[in-house]
Amino acid sequence: MKTIAMNKVIISLLFLFAPYAVSAQETRTDILRDLEKNRAEVSFSNQDQEITATLKSASRLFGEKDDLTTVIMVIPSGSVVEIIDSDSTYYQVLFEDYEGYIFRRHAVINEQAPAPVRTEKAVAQQPVAVEQVRVQPAGQNQAGRYTYLENKYGRNIASRLIAGKIWKGMSAEMINDSWGSPRKINRIISGNTVKEEWIFANTWLYVENDVLRDWGPVK
């Protein structure tokens, strides 16, 4: 009789805890499913370094990805955009002063730029052709400068350059129009890649193939 009673207790306990076991299993399954979903998509929200992409073809910039009639502008092929976020179909990007969405298939993510060469000794150790150019700073005539920049780049870029701003992805010519000529340029040529370190009074700029990739303080 005691054995029968004990079996009844065990069976009752199994029925009691069975829902919790099933619930725990479903919870673990949901977590694994979410992990796989997150792994399948590219996330840019936690990146410390700015991520850029180059357009393989001209692409429309949409204000809303769910409304393809909200075209802000057409970004030319070869333009560099900053990636803010991504899903399976669109990149959320920043181009000039405009923010919107482009199709992922129209752009390719740029590789992260390597750290620039900081010393002449380090430059000498590189197995590539090295050229060092010293540039004398030149004065600028401010009269009509904004009009010149606006005619050259458009109003948005002109406003940023006249304020002395720099940003990743800007051209070497834009740097000159914003900050003027550097005190010194350290240049490394490796195949078709030209890497330059532009030295200003308090800042160095890393320029690769005439595109600004990074900067930092002069120590």
Protein backbone atom coordinates (compact mmCIF):
# COMPACT_ATOMS: atom_id res chain seq x y z
CA MET A 1 0.00 0.00 0.00
CA LYS A 2 2.86 2.36 0.83
CA THR A 3 4.41 1.68 -2.60
CA ILE A 4 1.16 2.47 -4.40
CA ALA A 5 0.74 5.68 -2.40
CA MET A 6 4.35 6.71 -3.15
CA ASN A 7 3.83 6.10 -6.88
CA LYS A 8 0.72 8.29 -6.83
CA VAL A 9 2.71 11.10 -5.17
CA ILE A 10 5.49 10.85 -7.77
CA ILE A 11 3.00 10.88 -10.66
CA SER A 12 1.27 13.91 -9.14
CA LEU A 13 4.57 15.75 -8.87
CA LEU A 14 5.45 14.97 -12.49
CA PHE A 15 2.16 16.45 -13.68
CA LEU A 16 2.73 19.47 -11.44
CA PHE A 17 6.21 20.33 -12.81
CA ALA A 18 5.67 19.29 -16.42
CA PRO A 19 4.26 22.71 -17.53
CA TYR A 20 7.30 24.49 -16.02
CA ALA A 21 9.70 22.20 -17.90
CA VAL A 22 7.86 22.81 -21.17
CA SER A 23 7.82 26.57 -20.51
CA ALA A 24 11.57 26.58 -19.79
CA GLN A 25 12.23 24.62 -22.98
CA GLU A 26 10.14 27.10 -25.01
CA THR A 27 12.05 29.99 -23.41
CA ARG A 28 15.42 28.47 -24.40
CA THR A 29 14.10 27.86 -27.92
CA ASP A 30 12.96 31.49 -28.21
CA ILE A 31 16.36 32.74 -27.04
CA LEU A 32 18.20 30.59 -29.58
CA ARG A 33 15.84 31.73 -32.33
CA ASP A 34 16.44 35.40 -31.44
CA LEU A 35 20.20 34.86 -31.41
CA GLU A 36 20.11 33.32 -34.87
CA LYS A 37 17.94 36.18 -36.14
CA ASN A 38 20.29 38.82 -34.75
CA ARG A 39 23.32 37.02 -36.17
CA ALA A 40 21.74 37.05 -39.65
CA GLU A 41 21.49 40.85 -39.73
CA VAL A 42 24.24 43.46 -39.61
CA SER A 43 24.07 45.75 -36.60
CA PHE A 44 25.90 49.06 -36.58
CA SER A 45 24.56 50.58 -33.35
CA ASN A 46 27.42 49.34 -31.15
CA GLN A 47 30.29 50.16 -33.49
CA ASP A 48 32.91 52.48 -32.05
CA GLN A 49 34.37 53.36 -35.42
CA GLU A 50 32.42 55.03 -38.17
CA ILE A 51 31.33 52.61 -40.90
CA THR A 52 31.14 53.82 -44.48
CA ALA A 53 30.03 52.32 -47.77
CA THR A 54 30.67 53.20 -51.40
CA LEU A 55 27.81 53.19 -53.89
CA LYS A 56 28.26 50.72 -56.76
CA SER A 57 25.55 52.53 -58.70
CA ALA A 58 23.45 55.65 -58.33
CA SER A 59 20.84 55.18 -55.62
CA ARG A 60 17.78 57.07 -54.52
CA LEU A 61 17.80 58.29 -50.91
CA PHE A 62 14.39 57.70 -49.35
CA GLY A 63 13.07 59.61 -46.37
CA GLU A 64 10.95 56.60 -45.37
CA LYS A 65 11.85 53.04 -46.35
CA ASP A 66 8.19 52.02 -46.33
CA ASP A 67 7.24 54.81 -48.74
CA LEU A 68 9.26 54.83 -51.97
CA THR A 69 7.69 58.12 -53.02
CA THR A 70 9.69 60.00 -50.36
CA VAL A 71 12.78 60.47 -52.53
CA ILE A 72 15.11 63.09 -51.04
CA MET A 73 17.77 62.99 -53.74
CA VAL A 74 19.72 60.68 -56.02
CA ILE A 75 23.19 59.85 -54.65
CA PRO A 76 25.73 59.45 -57.50
CA SER A 77 27.64 56.23 -58.09
CA GLY A 78 30.99 56.19 -56.29
CA SER A 79 29.77 58.41 -53.43
CA VAL A 80 30.73 57.50 -49.86
CA VAL A 81 27.96 57.35 -47.27
CA GLU A 82 28.04 56.80 -43.52
CA ILE A 83 26.11 53.72 -42.35
CA ILE A 84 23.86 54.35 -39.34
CA ASP A 85 21.80 51.16 -39.28
CA SER A 86 20.77 48.23 -41.46
CA ASP A 87 18.14 45.61 -42.11
CA SER A 88 17.82 42.85 -44.68
CA THR A 89 16.87 45.28 -47.49
CA TYR A 90 18.04 48.81 -46.62
CA TYR A 91 20.96 50.76 -45.20
CA GLN A 92 20.09 53.79 -43.10
CA VAL A 93 22.73 56.29 -44.16
CA LEU A 94 24.00 59.83 -43.73
CA PHE A 95 25.09 61.63 -46.90
CA GLU A 96 26.21 65.23 -46.68
CA ASP A 97 23.54 66.74 -44.39
CA TYR A 98 20.81 64.30 -45.41
CA GLU A 99 19.69 61.15 -43.60
CA GLY A 100 17.60 58.42 -45.19
CA TYR A 101 17.53 54.91 -46.65
CA ILE A 102 19.13 53.27 -49.68
CA PHE A 103 18.93 49.72 -51.00
CA ARG A 104 21.69 47.47 -49.63
CA ARG A 105 22.39 46.05 -53.08
CA HIS A 106 23.50 49.47 -54.32
CA ALA A 107 26.42 49.83 -51.86
CA VAL A 108 29.42 47.90 -50.59
CA ILE A 109 30.85 48.33 -47.07
CA ASN A 110 34.32 49.86 -47.01
CA GLU A 111 37.10 48.09 -45.15
CA GLN A 112 38.23 49.76 -41.93
CA ALA A 113 41.28 51.92 -42.54
CA PRO A 114 44.50 50.80 -40.83
CA ALA A 115 46.14 53.06 -38.30
CA PRO A 116 48.26 55.72 -40.00
CA VAL A 117 52.06 55.72 -39.85
CA ARG A 118 53.00 58.11 -37.07
CA THR A 119 56.79 58.46 -37.27
CA GLU A 120 59.42 58.77 -39.98
CA LYS A 121 61.22 55.76 -38.46
CA ALA A 122 58.09 53.63 -38.86
CA VAL A 123 57.71 54.85 -42.43
CA ALA A 124 61.23 53.73 -43.24
CA GLN A 125 60.42 50.19 -42.09
CA GLN A 126 57.56 49.77 -44.56
CA PRO A 127 58.44 47.65 -47.64
CA VAL A 128 56.98 50.22 -50.03
CA ALA A 129 58.07 53.36 -51.84
CA VAL A 130 58.19 56.30 -49.44
CA GLU A 131 58.01 59.97 -50.31
CA GLN A 132 57.96 62.79 -47.82
CA VAL A 133 56.63 66.15 -48.97
CA ARG A 134 56.82 69.36 -46.99
CA VAL A 135 54.08 71.85 -47.76
CA GLN A 136 54.17 75.48 -46.73
CA PRO A 137 50.87 76.84 -45.38
CA ALA A 138 49.28 79.35 -47.70
CA GLY A 139 47.05 82.29 -46.80
CA GLN A 140 43.46 82.39 -48.01
CA ASN A 141 41.45 85.29 -49.33
CA GLN A 142 38.16 85.20 -47.42
CA ALA A 143 36.38 87.62 -49.77
CA GLY A 144 33.82 85.70 -51.75
CA ARG A 145 35.04 82.40 -50.33
CA TYR A 146 31.59 81.13 -49.44
CA THR A 147 30.28 81.95 -52.91
CA TYR A 148 33.22 80.08 -54.42
CA LEU A 149 32.59 77.02 -52.22
CA GLU A 150 28.84 77.10 -52.85
CA ASN A 151 29.37 77.15 -56.61
CA LYS A 152 31.89 74.33 -56.29
CA TYR A 153 30.14 71.96 -53.84
CA GLY A 154 26.63 73.22 -53.18
CA ARG A 155 25.16 75.01 -50.17
CA ASN A 156 25.33 72.17 -47.61
CA ILE A 157 28.98 71.28 -48.17
CA ALA A 158 29.95 74.95 -48.46
CA SER A 159 28.42 75.68 -45.03
CA ARG A 160 30.43 72.88 -43.42
CA LEU A 161 33.68 73.88 -45.10
CA ILE A 162 33.32 77.59 -44.30
CA ALA A 163 32.89 76.54 -40.64
CA GLY A 164 36.19 74.66 -40.78
CA LYS A 165 34.63 71.21 -40.37
CA ILE A 166 36.12 67.91 -41.55
CA TRP A 167 34.50 64.48 -41.80
CA LYS A 168 35.39 60.95 -42.84
CA GLY A 169 34.82 60.34 -46.53
CA MET A 170 35.52 63.91 -47.64
CA SER A 171 37.99 64.44 -50.47
CA ALA A 172 41.52 65.78 -50.14
CA GLU A 173 40.43 68.86 -52.08
CA MET A 174 37.68 69.51 -49.54
CA ILE A 175 40.25 69.30 -46.74
CA ASN A 176 42.30 71.99 -48.43
CA ASP A 177 39.20 74.14 -48.87
CA SER A 178 38.31 73.71 -45.19
CA TRP A 179 41.65 73.76 -43.34
CA GLY A 180 44.10 74.92 -45.98
CA SER A 181 47.39 73.19 -46.72
CA PRO A 182 49.05 71.07 -44.00
CA ARG A 183 52.47 71.81 -42.56
CA LYS A 184 53.75 68.45 -43.73
CA ILE A 185 52.63 65.33 -45.59
CA ASN A 186 54.09 61.85 -45.02
CA ARG A 187 53.27 59.68 -48.02
CA ILE A 188 53.47 55.93 -48.65
CA ILE A 189 52.80 54.44 -52.08
CA SER A 190 52.03 50.72 -52.26
CA GLY A 191 50.81 49.49 -55.64
CA ASN A 192 47.69 51.49 -56.51
CA THR A 193 47.19 52.68 -52.91
CA VAL A 194 48.49 56.05 -51.73
CA LYS A 195 48.46 56.55 -47.95
CA GLU A 196 49.17 59.99 -46.55
CA GLU A 197 49.50 61.51 -43.10
CA TRP A 198 48.70 65.24 -43.19
CA ILE A 199 50.24 67.10 -40.28
CA PHE A 200 48.55 70.29 -39.07
CA ALA A 201 49.37 72.32 -35.95
CA ASN A 202 47.47 70.12 -33.48
CA THR A 203 45.97 67.35 -35.62
CA TRP A 204 47.07 64.64 -38.04
CA LEU A 205 44.76 63.41 -40.80
CA TYR A 206 44.95 59.98 -42.43
CA VAL A 207 44.16 60.25 -46.16
CA GLU A 208 44.00 57.19 -48.42
CA ASN A 209 43.65 57.63 -52.18
CA ASP A 210 42.57 61.25 -51.67
CA VAL A 211 39.78 60.31 -49.19
CA LEU A 212 39.87 61.25 -45.48
CA ARG A 213 39.71 58.08 -43.38
CA ASP A 214 40.73 59.09 -39.83
CA TRP A 215 42.39 61.74 -37.65
CA GLY A 216 43.87 62.28 -34.21
CA PRO A 217 45.79 64.73 -32.02
CA VAL A 218 49.44 65.50 -32.65
CA LYS A 219 51.49 64.40 -29.62
